[in-house]
Amino acid sequence: MKRRASHLAAAIGLAYVTVLVLAVIGYVMNLVKLVGMMDGGVTAMLVIRLVGIVAAPFGALIGWF
């Protein structure tokens, strides 16, 4: 029984770390894409990316798109 609980805890920890790493990568990708958009006009996507800078979970998600 203890071994099963230990495996479950390890799986949950691995999933948590994976989601955290993917969120950080998405946030950085949002920043990079935002810098690349700065020379153009003001578009809806530019405004969305700016909001994503302040709202980090949203920025992490939008960075992947």
Foldseek 3Di string as FASTA:
>chain_A
DVVVVVVVVVVVVVVVVVVVVLLVVLLVLLVVVLVVCVVDDDDPLNVQSVVCNVVSSSSSVSSVD
